Amino acid sequence: AVPGIMGQIAQILTIVVVIGCLIVLARSVLAGR
């Protein structure tokens, strides 16, 4: 159970960080940079 839960936490963190960075990048492109 412990590694299974760690895997799910890693998945949440990975998705949030990746999508968060891409959204900030998209906002920068929207601003013309």
Full PDB file with SEQRES, HELIX, SHEET, SSBOND, CRYST1, ORIGX, SCALE, CONECT and MASTER records, all heavy atoms in Angstrom:
SEQRES   1 A   33  ALA VAL PRO GLY ILE MET GLY GLN ILE ALA GLN ILE LEU          
SEQRES   2 A   33  THR ILE VAL VAL VAL ILE GLY CYS LEU ILE VAL LEU ALA          
SEQRES   3 A   33  ARG SER VAL LEU ALA GLY ARG                                  
HELIX    1 AA1 VAL A    2  LEU A   30  1                                  29    
CRYST1    1.000    1.000    1.000  90.00  90.00  90.00 P 1           1          
ORIGX1      1.000000  0.000000  0.000000        0.00000                         
ORIGX2      0.000000  1.000000  0.000000        0.00000                         
ORIGX3      0.000000  0.000000  1.000000        0.00000                         
SCALE1      1.000000  0.000000  0.000000        0.00000                         
SCALE2      0.000000  1.000000  0.000000        0.00000                         
SCALE3      0.000000  0.000000  1.000000        0.00000                         
ATOM      1  N   ALA A   1       0.816  -1.215   0.000  1.00  0.00           N  
ATOM      2  CA  ALA A   1       0.000   0.000   0.000  1.00  0.00           C  
ATOM      3  C   ALA A   1       0.849   1.265   0.000  1.00  0.00           C  
ATOM      4  O   ALA A   1       0.523   2.240  -0.697  1.00  0.00           O  
ATOM      5  CB  ALA A   1      -0.939  -0.003   1.198  1.00  0.00           C  
ATOM      6  N   VAL A   2       1.938   1.260   0.762  1.00  0.00           N  
ATOM      7  CA  VAL A   2       2.770   2.475   0.876  1.00  0.00           C  
ATOM      8  C   VAL A   2       3.353   2.906  -0.470  1.00  0.00           C  
ATOM      9  O   VAL A   2       3.211   4.066  -0.864  1.00  0.00           O  
ATOM     10  CB  VAL A   2       3.873   2.280   1.931  1.00  0.00           C  
ATOM     11  CG1 VAL A   2       4.866   3.442   1.880  1.00  0.00           C  
ATOM     12  CG2 VAL A   2       3.260   2.182   3.324  1.00  0.00           C  
ATOM     13  N   PRO A   3       4.036   2.014  -1.224  1.00  0.00           N  
ATOM     14  CA  PRO A   3       4.529   2.451  -2.532  1.00  0.00           C  
ATOM     15  C   PRO A   3       3.406   2.806  -3.498  1.00  0.00           C  
ATOM     16  O   PRO A   3       3.567   3.697  -4.347  1.00  0.00           O  
ATOM     17  CB  PRO A   3       5.344   1.251  -3.040  1.00  0.00           C  
ATOM     18  CG  PRO A   3       4.888   0.101  -2.231  1.00  0.00           C  
ATOM     19  CD  PRO A   3       4.489   0.644  -0.905  1.00  0.00           C  
ATOM     20  N   GLY A   4       2.264   2.121  -3.357  1.00  0.00           N  
ATOM     21  CA  GLY A   4       1.126   2.461  -4.209  1.00  0.00           C  
ATOM     22  C   GLY A   4       0.643   3.881  -3.964  1.00  0.00           C  
ATOM     23  O   GLY A   4       0.368   4.639  -4.899  1.00  0.00           O  
ATOM     24  N   ILE A   5       0.560   4.264  -2.691  1.00  0.00           N  
ATOM     25  CA  ILE A   5       0.136   5.627  -2.333  1.00  0.00           C  
ATOM     26  C   ILE A   5       1.194   6.637  -2.777  1.00  0.00           C  
ATOM     27  O   ILE A   5       0.860   7.708  -3.291  1.00  0.00           O  
ATOM     28  CB  ILE A   5      -0.108   5.721  -0.812  1.00  0.00           C  
ATOM     29  CG1 ILE A   5      -1.340   4.894  -0.430  1.00  0.00           C  
ATOM     30  CG2 ILE A   5      -0.289   7.178  -0.379  1.00  0.00           C  
ATOM     31  CD1 ILE A   5      -1.572   4.791   1.065  1.00  0.00           C  
ATOM     32  N   MET A   6       2.480   6.286  -2.606  1.00  0.00           N  
ATOM     33  CA  MET A   6       3.549   7.186  -3.043  1.00  0.00           C  
ATOM     34  C   MET A   6       3.497   7.407  -4.555  1.00  0.00           C  
ATOM     35  O   MET A   6       3.752   8.513  -5.052  1.00  0.00           O  
ATOM     36  CB  MET A   6       4.908   6.612  -2.630  1.00  0.00           C  
ATOM     37  CG  MET A   6       5.146   6.614  -1.136  1.00  0.00           C  
ATOM     38  SD  MET A   6       6.729   5.857  -0.672  1.00  0.00           S  
ATOM     39  CE  MET A   6       7.869   7.002  -1.433  1.00  0.00           C  
ATOM     40  N   GLY A   7       3.149   6.355  -5.290  1.00  0.00           N  
ATOM     41  CA  GLY A   7       3.026   6.483  -6.732  1.00  0.00           C  
ATOM     42  C   GLY A   7       1.915   7.441  -7.129  1.00  0.00           C  
ATOM     43  O   GLY A   7       2.074   8.241  -8.058  1.00  0.00           O  
ATOM     44  N   GLN A   8       0.797   7.385  -6.424  1.00  0.00           N  
ATOM     45  CA  GLN A   8      -0.317   8.294  -6.715  1.00  0.00           C  
ATOM     46  C   GLN A   8       0.025   9.733  -6.351  1.00  0.00           C  
ATOM     47  O   GLN A   8      -0.340  10.668  -7.074  1.00  0.00           O  
ATOM     48  CB  GLN A   8      -1.571   7.838  -5.959  1.00  0.00           C  
ATOM     49  CG  GLN A   8      -2.120   6.495  -6.399  1.00  0.00           C  
ATOM     50  CD  GLN A   8      -2.433   6.453  -7.877  1.00  0.00           C  
ATOM     51  OE1 GLN A   8      -3.114   7.331  -8.409  1.00  0.00           O  
ATOM     52  NE2 GLN A   8      -1.953   5.430  -8.562  1.00  0.00           N  
ATOM     53  N   ILE A   9       0.730   9.919  -5.231  1.00  0.00           N  
ATOM     54  CA  ILE A   9       1.163  11.267  -4.856  1.00  0.00           C  
ATOM     55  C   ILE A   9       2.135  11.820  -5.899  1.00  0.00           C  
ATOM     56  O   ILE A   9       2.050  12.995  -6.297  1.00  0.00           O  
ATOM     57  CB  ILE A   9       1.811  11.253  -3.464  1.00  0.00           C  
ATOM     58  CG1 ILE A   9       0.762  10.908  -2.402  1.00  0.00           C  
ATOM     59  CG2 ILE A   9       2.460  12.603  -3.148  1.00  0.00           C  
ATOM     60  CD1 ILE A   9       1.336  10.734  -1.005  1.00  0.00           C  
ATOM     61  N   ALA A  10       3.060  10.960  -6.354  1.00  0.00           N  
ATOM     62  CA  ALA A  10       4.001  11.381  -7.394  1.00  0.00           C  
ATOM     63  C   ALA A  10       3.262  11.756  -8.676  1.00  0.00           C  
ATOM     64  O   ALA A  10       3.644  12.713  -9.369  1.00  0.00           O  
ATOM     65  CB  ALA A  10       5.008  10.262  -7.672  1.00  0.00           C  
ATOM     66  N   GLN A  11       2.215  11.020  -8.981  1.00  0.00           N  
ATOM     67  CA  GLN A  11       1.428  11.325 -10.185  1.00  0.00           C  
ATOM     68  C   GLN A  11       0.739  12.681 -10.067  1.00  0.00           C  
ATOM     69  O   GLN A  11       0.743  13.478 -11.021  1.00  0.00           O  
ATOM     70  CB  GLN A  11       0.392  10.227 -10.418  1.00  0.00           C  
ATOM     71  CG  GLN A  11      -0.487  10.463 -11.632  1.00  0.00           C  
ATOM     72  CD  GLN A  11      -1.308   9.241 -11.979  1.00  0.00           C  
ATOM     73  OE1 GLN A  11      -0.867   8.390 -12.738  1.00  0.00           O  
ATOM     74  NE2 GLN A  11      -2.508   9.137 -11.422  1.00  0.00           N  
ATOM     75  N   ILE A  12       0.149  12.954  -8.913  1.00  0.00           N  
ATOM     76  CA  ILE A  12      -0.514  14.251  -8.710  1.00  0.00           C  
ATOM     77  C   ILE A  12       0.496  15.391  -8.841  1.00  0.00           C  
ATOM     78  O   ILE A  12       0.251  16.374  -9.562  1.00  0.00           O  
ATOM     79  CB  ILE A  12      -1.192  14.299  -7.322  1.00  0.00           C  
ATOM     80  CG1 ILE A  12      -2.359  13.308  -7.262  1.00  0.00           C  
ATOM     81  CG2 ILE A  12      -1.696  15.713  -7.024  1.00  0.00           C  
ATOM     82  CD1 ILE A  12      -2.978  13.186  -5.873  1.00  0.00           C  
ATOM     83  N   LEU A  13       1.626  15.264  -8.149  1.00  0.00           N  
ATOM     84  CA  LEU A  13       2.629  16.322  -8.189  1.00  0.00           C  
ATOM     85  C   LEU A  13       3.159  16.533  -9.602  1.00  0.00           C  
ATOM     86  O   LEU A  13       3.351  17.672 -10.055  1.00  0.00           O  
ATOM     87  CB  LEU A  13       3.785  15.988  -7.234  1.00  0.00           C  
ATOM     88  CG  LEU A  13       3.432  15.972  -5.746  1.00  0.00           C  
ATOM     89  CD1 LEU A  13       4.646  15.538  -4.920  1.00  0.00           C  
ATOM     90  CD2 LEU A  13       2.957  17.347  -5.289  1.00  0.00           C  
ATOM     91  N   THR A  14       3.408  15.437 -10.309  1.00  0.00           N  
ATOM     92  CA  THR A  14       3.937  15.544 -11.670  1.00  0.00           C  
ATOM     93  C   THR A  14       2.953  16.254 -12.589  1.00  0.00           C  
ATOM     94  O   THR A  14       3.329  17.183 -13.325  1.00  0.00           O  
ATOM     95  CB  THR A  14       4.239  14.141 -12.230  1.00  0.00           C  
ATOM     96  OG1 THR A  14       5.201  13.491 -11.389  1.00  0.00           O  
ATOM     97  CG2 THR A  14       4.782  14.231 -13.650  1.00  0.00           C  
ATOM     98  N   ILE A  15       1.695  15.843 -12.545  1.00  0.00           N  
ATOM     99  CA  ILE A  15       0.687  16.442 -13.419  1.00  0.00           C  
ATOM    100  C   ILE A  15       0.508  17.918 -13.096  1.00  0.00           C  
ATOM    101  O   ILE A  15       0.444  18.769 -14.006  1.00  0.00           O  
ATOM    102  CB  ILE A  15      -0.659  15.694 -13.275  1.00  0.00           C  
ATOM    103  CG1 ILE A  15      -0.547  14.287 -13.874  1.00  0.00           C  
ATOM    104  CG2 ILE A  15      -1.778  16.464 -13.958  1.00  0.00           C  
ATOM    105  CD1 ILE A  15      -0.319  14.265 -15.368  1.00  0.00           C  
ATOM    106  N   VAL A  16       0.421  18.250 -11.814  1.00  0.00           N  
ATOM    107  CA  VAL A  16       0.197  19.645 -11.417  1.00  0.00           C  
ATOM    108  C   VAL A  16       1.367  20.533 -11.840  1.00  0.00           C  
ATOM    109  O   VAL A  16       1.177  21.627 -12.377  1.00  0.00           O  
ATOM    110  CB  VAL A  16      -0.044  19.738  -9.895  1.00  0.00           C  
ATOM    111  CG1 VAL A  16      -0.029  21.190  -9.441  1.00  0.00           C  
ATOM    112  CG2 VAL A  16      -1.382  19.096  -9.534  1.00  0.00           C  
ATOM    113  N   VAL A  17       2.597  20.053 -11.609  1.00  0.00           N  
ATOM    114  CA  VAL A  17       3.769  20.859 -11.967  1.00  0.00           C  
ATOM    115  C   VAL A  17       3.884  21.020 -13.476  1.00  0.00           C  
ATOM    116  O   VAL A  17       4.103  22.131 -13.990  1.00  0.00           O  
ATOM    117  CB  VAL A  17       5.059  20.221 -11.408  1.00  0.00           C  
ATOM    118  CG1 VAL A  17       6.295  20.933 -11.954  1.00  0.00           C  
ATOM    119  CG2 VAL A  17       5.052  20.286  -9.883  1.00  0.00           C  
ATOM    120  N   VAL A  18       3.724  19.927 -14.213  1.00  0.00           N  
ATOM    121  CA  VAL A  18       3.847  19.990 -15.676  1.00  0.00           C  
ATOM    122  C   VAL A  18       2.784  20.904 -16.281  1.00  0.00           C  
ATOM    123  O   VAL A  18       3.094  21.816 -17.066  1.00  0.00           O  
ATOM    124  CB  VAL A  18       3.755  18.580 -16.293  1.00  0.00           C  
ATOM    125  CG1 VAL A  18       3.625  18.664 -17.812  1.00  0.00           C  
ATOM    126  CG2 VAL A  18       4.980  17.758 -15.927  1.00  0.00           C  
ATOM    127  N   ILE A  19       1.532  20.681 -15.917  1.00  0.00           N  
ATOM    128  CA  ILE A  19       0.459  21.497 -16.478  1.00  0.00           C  
ATOM    129  C   ILE A  19       0.561  22.936 -15.995  1.00  0.00           C  
ATOM    130  O   ILE A  19       0.310  23.882 -16.753  1.00  0.00           O  
ATOM    131  CB  ILE A  19      -0.916  20.885 -16.140  1.00  0.00           C  
ATOM    132  CG1 ILE A  19      -1.077  19.555 -16.885  1.00  0.00           C  
ATOM    133  CG2 ILE A  19      -2.054  21.847 -16.500  1.00  0.00           C  
ATOM    134  CD1 ILE A  19      -2.402  18.871 -16.653  1.00  0.00           C  
ATOM    135  N   GLY A  20       0.954  23.132 -14.731  1.00  0.00           N  
ATOM    136  CA  GLY A  20       1.133  24.493 -14.221  1.00  0.00           C  
ATOM    137  C   GLY A  20       2.181  25.262 -15.016  1.00  0.00           C  
ATOM    138  O   GLY A  20       1.966  26.418 -15.399  1.00  0.00           O  
ATOM    139  N   CYS A  21       3.327  24.617 -15.283  1.00  0.00           N  
ATOM    140  CA  CYS A  21       4.378  25.273 -16.067  1.00  0.00           C  
ATOM    141  C   CYS A  21       3.902  25.586 -17.480  1.00  0.00           C  
ATOM    142  O   CYS A  21       4.180  26.673 -18.019  1.00  0.00           O  
ATOM    143  CB  CYS A  21       5.619  24.379 -16.127  1.00  0.00           C  
ATOM    144  SG  CYS A  21       6.557  24.269 -14.594  1.00  0.00           S  
ATOM    145  N   LEU A  22       3.185  24.653 -18.084  1.00  0.00           N  
ATOM    146  CA  LEU A  22       2.711  24.867 -19.452  1.00  0.00           C  
ATOM    147  C   LEU A  22       1.656  25.971 -19.522  1.00  0.00           C  
ATOM    148  O   LEU A  22       1.595  26.723 -20.492  1.00  0.00           O  
ATOM    149  CB  LEU A  22       2.157  23.562 -20.026  1.00  0.00           C  
ATOM    150  CG  LEU A  22       3.188  22.440 -20.227  1.00  0.00           C  
ATOM    151  CD1 LEU A  22       2.531  21.197 -20.800  1.00  0.00           C  
ATOM    152  CD2 LEU A  22       4.328  22.906 -21.138  1.00  0.00           C  
ATOM    153  N   ILE A  23       0.827  26.078 -18.485  1.00  0.00           N  
ATOM    154  CA  ILE A  23      -0.177  27.148 -18.468  1.00  0.00           C  
ATOM    155  C   ILE A  23       0.493  28.511 -18.322  1.00  0.00           C  
ATOM    156  O   ILE A  23       0.132  29.479 -19.013  1.00  0.00           O  
ATOM    157  CB  ILE A  23      -1.198  26.908 -17.339  1.00  0.00           C  
ATOM    158  CG1 ILE A  23      -2.113  25.727 -17.692  1.00  0.00           C  
ATOM    159  CG2 ILE A  23      -2.034  28.160 -17.090  1.00  0.00           C  
ATOM    160  CD1 ILE A  23      -3.098  25.364 -16.606  1.00  0.00           C  
ATOM    161  N   VAL A  24       1.480  28.586 -17.434  1.00  0.00           N  
ATOM    162  CA  VAL A  24       2.224  29.848 -17.292  1.00  0.00           C  
ATOM    163  C   VAL A  24       2.943  30.191 -18.593  1.00  0.00           C  
ATOM    164  O   VAL A  24       2.980  31.358 -19.016  1.00  0.00           O  
ATOM    165  CB  VAL A  24       3.229  29.748 -16.131  1.00  0.00           C  
ATOM    166  CG1 VAL A  24       4.084  31.014 -16.064  1.00  0.00           C  
ATOM    167  CG2 VAL A  24       2.492  29.545 -14.814  1.00  0.00           C  
ATOM    168  N   LEU A  25       3.486  29.180 -19.256  1.00  0.00           N  
ATOM    169  CA  LEU A  25       4.135  29.389 -20.552  1.00  0.00           C  
ATOM    170  C   LEU A  25       3.138  29.885 -21.589  1.00  0.00           C  
ATOM    171  O   LEU A  25       3.438  30.803 -22.373  1.00  0.00           O  
ATOM    172  CB  LEU A  25       4.787  28.087 -21.018  1.00  0.00           C  
ATOM    173  CG  LEU A  25       5.496  28.098 -22.374  1.00  0.00           C  
ATOM    174  CD1 LEU A  25       6.625  29.118 -22.375  1.00  0.00           C  
ATOM    175  CD2 LEU A  25       6.015  26.710 -22.715  1.00  0.00           C  
ATOM    176  N   ALA A  26       1.947  29.293 -21.595  1.00  0.00           N  
ATOM    177  CA  ALA A  26       0.906  29.720 -22.537  1.00  0.00           C  
ATOM    178  C   ALA A  26       0.487  31.167 -22.274  1.00  0.00           C  
ATOM    179  O   ALA A  26       0.248  31.939 -23.207  1.00  0.00           O  
ATOM    180  CB  ALA A  26      -0.300  28.786 -22.439  1.00  0.00           C  
ATOM    181  N   ARG A  27       0.394  31.546 -21.006  1.00  0.00           N  
ATOM    182  CA  ARG A  27       0.048  32.935 -20.673  1.00  0.00           C  
ATOM    183  C   ARG A  27       1.113  33.904 -21.166  1.00  0.00           C  
ATOM    184  O   ARG A  27       0.806  35.007 -21.632  1.00  0.00           O  
ATOM    185  CB  ARG A  27      -0.123  33.082 -19.166  1.00  0.00           C  
ATOM    186  CG  ARG A  27      -1.379  32.423 -18.601  1.00  0.00           C  
ATOM    187  CD  ARG A  27      -1.514  32.681 -17.116  1.00  0.00           C  
ATOM    188  NE  ARG A  27      -1.587  34.119 -16.842  1.00  0.00           N  
ATOM    189  CZ  ARG A  27      -1.595  34.631 -15.617  1.00  0.00           C  
ATOM    190  NH1 ARG A  27      -1.499  33.821 -14.563  1.00  0.00           N  
ATOM    191  NH2 ARG A  27      -1.663  35.937 -15.442  1.00  0.00           N  
ATOM    192  N   SER A  28       2.368  33.478 -21.088  1.00  0.00           N  
ATOM    193  CA  SER A  28       3.448  34.323 -21.584  1.00  0.00           C  
ATOM    194  C   SER A  28       3.350  34.483 -23.095  1.00  0.00           C  
ATOM    195  O   SER A  28       3.569  35.577 -23.630  1.00  0.00           O  
ATOM    196  CB  SER A  28       4.800  33.706 -21.209  1.00  0.00           C  
ATOM    197  OG  SER A  28       5.866  34.510 -21.644  1.00  0.00           O  
ATOM    198  N   VAL A  29       3.002  33.400 -23.776  1.00  0.00           N  
ATOM    199  CA  VAL A  29       2.830  33.479 -25.237  1.00  0.00           C  
ATOM    200  C   VAL A  29       1.644  34.369 -25.589  1.00  0.00           C  
ATOM    201  O   VAL A  29       1.694  35.141 -26.554  1.00  0.00           O  
ATOM    202  CB  VAL A  29       2.642  32.067 -25.830  1.00  0.00           C  
ATOM    203  CG1 VAL A  29       2.315  32.141 -27.320  1.00  0.00           C  
ATOM    204  CG2 VAL A  29       3.896  31.225 -25.613  1.00  0.00           C  
ATOM    205  N   LEU A  30       0.580  34.286 -24.804  1.00  0.00           N  
ATOM    206  CA  LEU A  30      -0.574  35.160 -25.020  1.00  0.00           C  
ATOM    207  C   LEU A  30      -0.182  36.634 -24.886  1.00  0.00           C  
ATOM    208  O   LEU A  30      -0.748  37.494 -25.561  1.00  0.00           O  
ATOM    209  CB  LEU A  30      -1.690  34.827 -24.022  1.00  0.00           C  
ATOM    210  CG  LEU A  30      -2.530  33.585 -24.308  1.00  0.00           C  
ATOM    211  CD1 LEU A  30      -3.458  33.290 -23.134  1.00  0.00           C  
ATOM    212  CD2 LEU A  30      -3.342  33.770 -25.587  1.00  0.00           C  
ATOM    213  N   ALA A  31       0.786  36.911 -24.023  1.00  0.00           N  
ATOM    214  CA  ALA A  31       1.253  38.279 -23.843  1.00  0.00           C  
ATOM    215  C   ALA A  31       2.235  38.696 -24.932  1.00  0.00           C  
ATOM    216  O   ALA A  31       2.702  39.834 -24.939  1.00  0.00           O  
ATOM    217  CB  ALA A  31       1.903  38.437 -22.476  1.00  0.00           C  
ATOM    218  N   GLY A  32       2.552  37.762 -25.851  1.00  0.00           N  
ATOM    219  CA  GLY A  32       3.430  38.087 -26.957  1.00  0.00           C  
ATOM    220  C   GLY A  32       4.887  37.758 -26.735  1.00  0.00           C  
ATOM    221  O   GLY A  32       5.733  38.086 -27.565  1.00  0.00           O  
ATOM    222  N   ARG A  33       5.216  37.115 -25.619  1.00  0.00           N  
ATOM    223  CA  ARG A  33       6.597  36.753 -25.326  1.00  0.00           C  
ATOM    224  C   ARG A  33       6.750  35.245 -25.473  1.00  0.00           C  
ATOM    225  O   ARG A  33       6.293  34.481 -24.622  1.00  0.00           O  
ATOM    226  CB  ARG A  33       6.990  37.194 -23.912  1.00  0.00           C  
ATOM    227  CG  ARG A  33       6.990  38.703 -23.710  1.00  0.00           C  
ATOM    228  CD  ARG A  33       7.475  39.062 -22.312  1.00  0.00           C  
ATOM    229  NE  ARG A  33       6.614  38.506 -21.278  1.00  0.00           N  
ATOM    230  CZ  ARG A  33       5.529  39.105 -20.801  1.00  0.00           C  
ATOM    231  NH1 ARG A  33       5.157  40.278 -21.302  1.00  0.00           N  
ATOM    232  NH2 ARG A  33       4.813  38.540 -19.851  1.00  0.00           N  
TER     233      ARG A  33                                                      
MASTER        0    0    0    1    0    0    0    6  232    1    0    3          
END                                                                             
